[in-house]
C-alpha atoms as a PDB file:
ATOM      1  CA  MET A   1      25.007  31.371-104.739  1.00  0.00           C
ATOM      2  CA  PRO A   2      26.093  27.214-104.442  1.00  0.00           C
ATOM      3  CA  ILE A   3      23.098  25.140-105.703  1.00  0.00           C
ATOM      4  CA  GLU A   4      22.043  23.395-102.188  1.00  0.00           C
ATOM      5  CA  GLU A   5      21.097  26.916-101.049  1.00  0.00           C
ATOM      6  CA  LYS A   6      19.264  28.380-104.143  1.00  0.00           C
ATOM      7  CA  LEU A   7      16.883  24.824-103.478  1.00  0.00           C
ATOM      8  CA  GLU A   8      16.450  25.597-100.136  1.00  0.00           C
ATOM      9  CA  LYS A   9      16.000  29.691-100.983  1.00  0.00           C
ATOM     10  CA  ALA A  10      13.196  28.156-103.702  1.00  0.00           C
ATOM     11  CA  LYS A  11      11.788  25.586-101.046  1.00  0.00           C
ATOM     12  CA  ARG A  12      11.141  28.487 -98.422  1.00  0.00           C
ATOM     13  CA  GLU A  13       9.603  30.753-100.936  1.00  0.00           C
ATOM     14  CA  VAL A  14       6.844  27.667-101.711  1.00  0.00           C
ATOM     15  CA  GLU A  15       6.038  27.559 -98.561  1.00  0.00           C
ATOM     16  CA  ARG A  16       5.926  31.344 -97.615  1.00  0.00           C
ATOM     17  CA  GLU A  17       3.300  31.542-100.859  1.00  0.00           C
ATOM     18  CA  ILE A  18       1.308  28.920-100.068  1.00  0.00           C
ATOM     19  CA  LYS A  19       0.922  29.703 -96.628  1.00  0.00           C
ATOM     20  CA  ILE A  20      -0.278  33.690 -97.845  1.00  0.00           C
ATOM     21  CA  ALA A  21      -2.699  31.638-100.024  1.00  0.00           C
ATOM     22  CA  LEU A  22      -3.918  29.687 -97.108  1.00  0.00           C
ATOM     23  CA  MET A  23      -4.103  32.835 -94.625  1.00  0.00           C
ATOM     24  CA  ASP A  24      -5.853  35.042 -97.567  1.00  0.00           C
ATOM     25  CA  LYS A  25      -8.312  31.806 -97.677  1.00  0.00           C
ATOM     26  CA  GLY A  26      -8.677  31.621 -93.818  1.00  0.00           C
ATOM     27  CA  MET A  27      -7.900  28.063 -94.054  1.00  0.00           C
ATOM     28  CA  THR A  28      -5.533  26.163 -91.758  1.00  0.00           C
ATOM     29  CA  GLN A  29      -3.331  23.093 -93.654  1.00  0.00           C
ATOM     30  CA  ALA A  30      -5.869  20.924 -91.958  1.00  0.00           C
ATOM     31  CA  GLU A  31      -8.652  22.381 -94.240  1.00  0.00           C
ATOM     32  CA  LEU A  32      -6.818  22.068 -96.880  1.00  0.00           C
ATOM     33  CA  ALA A  33      -5.966  18.198 -96.717  1.00  0.00           C
ATOM     34  CA  ASN A  34      -9.352  17.277 -95.599  1.00  0.00           C
ATOM     35  CA  LEU A  35      -9.976  19.003 -98.770  1.00  0.00           C
ATOM     36  CA  LEU A  36      -7.309  17.598-100.808  1.00  0.00           C
ATOM     37  CA  ASN A  37      -8.349  13.825 -99.308  1.00  0.00           C
ATOM     38  CA  GLU A  38      -4.945  14.054 -98.215  1.00  0.00           C
ATOM     39  CA  SER A  39      -3.055  13.164 -94.529  1.00  0.00           C
ATOM     40  CA  ARG A  40      -1.909  16.358 -93.279  1.00  0.00           C
ATOM     41  CA  SER A  41       1.857  14.897 -93.028  1.00  0.00           C
ATOM     42  CA  LYS A  42       1.631  14.752 -96.734  1.00  0.00           C
ATOM     43  CA  VAL A  43       0.248  18.046 -97.250  1.00  0.00           C
ATOM     44  CA  ASN A  44       2.419  19.425 -94.586  1.00  0.00           C
ATOM     45  CA  GLN A  45       5.571  17.791 -97.094  1.00  0.00           C
ATOM     46  CA  ALA A  46       4.954  19.188-100.333  1.00  0.00           C
ATOM     47  CA  ILE A  47       4.109  22.716 -98.497  1.00  0.00           C
ATOM     48  CA  LYS A  48       7.695  22.534 -97.254  1.00  0.00           C
ATOM     49  CA  GLY A  49       9.106  21.860-100.592  1.00  0.00           C
ATOM     50  CA  ASN A  50       9.849  18.405-100.751  1.00  0.00           C
ATOM     51  CA  THR A  51      10.698  16.952-104.432  1.00  0.00           C
ATOM     52  CA  ASN A  52       9.379  13.461-104.006  1.00  0.00           C
ATOM     53  CA  PRO A  53       6.333  12.723-106.964  1.00  0.00           C
ATOM     54  CA  LYS A  54       3.592  12.288-104.060  1.00  0.00           C
ATOM     55  CA  SER A  55       4.854  15.573-103.442  1.00  0.00           C
ATOM     56  CA  ILE A  56       4.337  17.577-106.295  1.00  0.00           C
ATOM     57  CA  GLU A  57       1.569  15.866-107.346  1.00  0.00           C
ATOM     58  CA  ILE A  58      -0.382  17.161-104.083  1.00  0.00           C
ATOM     59  CA  ARG A  59       1.295  20.974-104.680  1.00  0.00           C
ATOM     60  CA  LYS A  60      -0.399  20.936-108.113  1.00  0.00           C
ATOM     61  CA  LYS A  61      -3.631  20.763-106.227  1.00  0.00           C
ATOM     62  CA  ILE A  62      -3.167  22.707-103.958  1.00  0.00           C
ATOM     63  CA  TYR A  63      -2.381  25.530-106.128  1.00  0.00           C
ATOM     64  CA  LYS A  64      -5.739  24.791-107.989  1.00  0.00           C
ATOM     65  CA  VAL A  65      -7.523  24.952-104.524  1.00  0.00           C
ATOM     66  CA  LEU A  66      -5.736  27.964-103.663  1.00  0.00           C
ATOM     67  CA  GLY A  67      -6.146  29.841-107.172  1.00  0.00           C
ATOM     68  CA  MET A  68      -2.647  30.095-107.229  1.00  0.00           C
ATOM     69  CA  ASN A  69      -0.459  30.427-110.608  1.00  0.00           C
ATOM     70  CA  ASN A  70       2.544  27.726-111.002  1.00  0.00           C
END
């Protein structure tokens, strides 16, 4: 599998795991963004697997808030 395909697959898996954790907590992305004091668009970018430093920082916060092992 080409590297780009592996990256896309990993991004989809991260997004899937976060969305499952959100559902388990009964929380929306908007509520999560509010809790993290981040914009909904920044949180959405992080959930979608964006690799910029801000998205990575937000993802780490998401993992902590949702009790996910990262």
